[in-house]
């Protein structure tokens, strides 16, 4: 369900893949107001602590900070408000079942532009244990050292 070609990635939440094992991914639209679109397109946002919450059969993004637009006026947006995510009702019911039954968390993975519209890729993830995180770091370091060795041999 992830975005394919023609999508311009604005930001990737690398911490999400480090802290969570992502099982499913889902493309969502974001309900943005006024100058929020211009700020997001300019890359003036942060979603490292953001997560999805289902309330009243609607999906919301909590903790997604969009910096007020520089050239905005008194009608500039509130930076930390909850933003509604645009998803089909069946998908919301499916997500709610997963989150309630199996203890999954809804985590934003990436923000991108698709045909001029701001989209968000949400992941259904389960938190990793500290041991798993250490293993990821160890594997990354080993891969880095192997790459370095290969480069030095080819000189």
Protein backbone atom coordinates (compact mmCIF):
# COMPACT_ATOMS: atom_id res chain seq x y z
CA UNK A 1 0.00 0.00 0.00
CA UNK A 2 3.04 2.28 0.06
CA UNK A 3 3.54 5.04 -2.47
CA UNK A 4 5.29 4.06 -5.66
CA UNK A 5 6.86 6.12 -8.41
CA UNK A 6 6.08 9.79 -8.85
CA UNK A 7 6.17 10.50 -5.12
CA UNK A 8 8.68 13.01 -3.75
CA UNK A 9 9.79 12.11 -0.24
CA UNK A 10 9.96 15.10 2.11
CA UNK A 11 11.16 13.27 5.24
CA UNK A 12 11.67 9.75 6.59
CA UNK A 13 11.23 8.82 10.26
CA UNK A 14 14.33 6.65 10.74
CA UNK A 15 13.75 6.32 14.49
CA UNK A 16 10.44 4.56 13.83
CA UNK A 17 12.15 1.64 12.08
CA UNK A 18 14.77 1.52 14.84
CA UNK A 19 12.25 1.51 17.72
CA UNK A 20 9.50 -0.59 16.08
CA UNK A 21 9.14 -3.73 14.01
CA UNK A 22 6.88 -2.53 11.19
CA UNK A 23 4.38 -5.19 10.05
CA UNK A 24 2.01 -3.26 7.78
CA UNK A 25 2.15 0.08 5.98
CA UNK A 26 -0.69 2.34 4.95
CA UNK A 27 -0.96 5.52 2.87
CA UNK A 28 -2.95 8.35 4.50
CA UNK A 29 -3.89 11.85 3.50
CA UNK A 30 -3.50 14.60 6.10
CA UNK A 31 -6.15 17.23 6.78
CA UNK A 32 -4.03 20.40 6.67
CA UNK A 33 -5.27 23.98 7.06
CA UNK A 34 -4.09 27.23 5.52
CA UNK A 35 -0.36 27.78 5.78
CA UNK A 36 0.36 24.24 7.01
CA UNK A 37 0.70 22.98 3.44
CA UNK A 38 3.34 25.59 2.60
CA UNK A 39 5.32 24.81 5.76
CA UNK A 40 5.23 21.06 5.08
CA UNK A 41 6.27 21.50 1.45
CA UNK A 42 9.17 23.64 2.70
CA UNK A 43 10.19 20.80 5.03
CA UNK A 44 9.46 22.73 8.24
CA UNK A 45 8.02 19.89 10.30
CA UNK A 46 9.06 17.28 12.85
CA UNK A 47 7.48 13.91 13.52
CA UNK A 48 9.99 12.03 15.64
CA UNK A 49 7.59 11.79 18.62
CA UNK A 50 4.39 11.50 16.57
CA UNK A 51 1.96 8.60 16.67
CA UNK A 52 -1.50 7.70 15.43
CA UNK A 53 -4.58 7.53 17.67
CA UNK A 54 -8.06 6.24 16.83
CA UNK A 55 -10.85 8.25 18.46
CA UNK A 56 -14.56 8.37 17.55
CA UNK A 57 -13.94 6.09 14.54
CA UNK A 58 -11.46 8.60 13.10
CA UNK A 59 -7.67 8.42 12.86
CA UNK A 60 -5.63 11.33 14.25
CA UNK A 61 -1.93 12.15 14.15
CA UNK A 62 -0.67 13.34 17.54
CA UNK A 63 2.69 15.04 18.15
CA UNK A 64 3.28 16.10 14.53
CA UNK A 65 4.86 19.56 14.79
CA UNK A 66 4.54 21.92 11.80
CA UNK A 67 6.48 25.16 12.22
CA UNK A 68 4.37 28.29 11.54
CA UNK A 69 4.82 29.61 8.00
CA UNK A 70 7.41 32.42 7.87
CA UNK A 71 5.39 34.63 5.54
CA UNK A 72 2.08 33.94 7.28
CA UNK A 73 -0.01 36.52 9.10
CA UNK A 74 -2.31 36.44 12.14
CA UNK A 75 -4.16 33.50 10.55
CA UNK A 76 -1.11 31.24 10.84
CA UNK A 77 -1.76 27.70 12.10
CA UNK A 78 -1.26 26.17 15.54
CA UNK A 79 1.99 24.11 15.37
CA UNK A 80 1.09 21.12 17.57
CA UNK A 81 -2.60 20.46 16.99
CA UNK A 82 -3.93 16.97 16.34
CA UNK A 83 -4.42 16.44 12.62
CA UNK A 84 -7.05 14.12 11.18
CA UNK A 85 -5.75 11.47 8.81
CA UNK A 86 -7.84 10.66 5.76
CA UNK A 87 -8.35 6.90 5.59
CA UNK A 88 -11.24 4.64 4.55
CA UNK A 89 -13.60 3.52 7.33
CA UNK A 90 -12.81 -0.16 6.75
CA UNK A 91 -9.10 0.59 7.18
CA UNK A 92 -9.78 2.42 10.45
CA UNK A 93 -11.82 -0.55 11.77
CA UNK A 94 -9.01 -2.92 10.72
CA UNK A 95 -6.38 -0.72 12.41
CA UNK A 96 -8.47 -0.43 15.58
CA UNK A 97 -8.75 -4.24 15.79
CA UNK A 98 -4.98 -4.63 15.36
CA UNK A 99 -4.13 -1.95 17.94
CA UNK A 100 -6.65 -3.26 20.52
CA UNK A 101 -6.07 -7.00 20.11
CA UNK A 102 -2.39 -7.35 19.43
CA UNK A 103 -0.81 -4.29 21.04
CA UNK A 104 0.41 -2.58 17.87
CA UNK A 105 1.29 1.11 17.66
CA UNK A 106 0.54 3.46 14.75
CA UNK A 107 3.78 5.21 13.78
CA UNK A 108 4.39 7.73 10.97
CA UNK A 109 7.15 6.44 8.68
CA UNK A 110 7.44 9.02 5.93
CA UNK A 111 5.92 12.25 4.61
CA UNK A 112 5.82 12.71 0.85
CA UNK A 113 4.15 14.56 -2.01
CA UNK A 114 2.03 12.57 -4.44
CA UNK A 115 0.50 14.45 -7.35
CA UNK A 116 0.89 17.70 -5.40
CA UNK A 117 -0.86 16.38 -2.28
CA UNK A 118 0.85 15.83 1.08
CA UNK A 119 0.63 12.17 2.08
CA UNK A 120 1.79 10.25 5.13
CA UNK A 121 2.90 6.63 5.28
CA UNK A 122 1.78 5.11 8.58
CA UNK A 123 3.21 1.89 9.91
CA UNK A 124 1.61 -0.65 12.19
CA UNK A 125 4.49 -1.55 14.48
CA UNK A 126 5.31 -3.47 17.60
CA UNK A 127 7.95 -2.04 19.94
CA UNK A 128 11.40 -3.63 19.83
CA UNK A 129 13.15 -4.77 22.95
CA UNK A 130 16.52 -3.27 23.91
CA UNK A 131 18.27 -6.50 22.94
CA UNK A 132 16.87 -6.27 19.40
CA UNK A 133 18.02 -2.65 19.11
CA UNK A 134 21.53 -3.61 20.20
CA UNK A 135 21.58 -6.35 17.57
CA UNK A 136 20.57 -3.85 14.88
CA UNK A 137 23.39 -1.51 15.92
CA UNK A 138 25.89 -4.40 15.96
CA UNK A 139 24.83 -5.57 12.47
CA UNK A 140 25.04 -2.02 11.13
CA UNK A 141 28.59 -1.62 12.51
CA UNK A 142 29.67 -4.98 11.06
CA UNK A 143 28.27 -4.04 7.64
CA UNK A 144 30.06 -0.70 7.79
CA UNK A 145 33.38 -2.37 8.62
CA UNK A 146 32.92 -4.91 5.80
CA UNK A 147 32.24 -2.10 3.32
CA UNK A 148 35.37 -0.28 4.52
CA UNK A 149 37.47 -3.45 4.06
CA UNK A 150 36.14 -3.96 0.54
CA UNK A 151 36.91 -0.34 -0.39
CA UNK A 152 40.46 -0.59 0.95
CA UNK A 153 41.13 -3.81 -0.99
CA UNK A 154 40.04 -2.23 -4.28
CA UNK A 155 42.47 0.68 -3.99
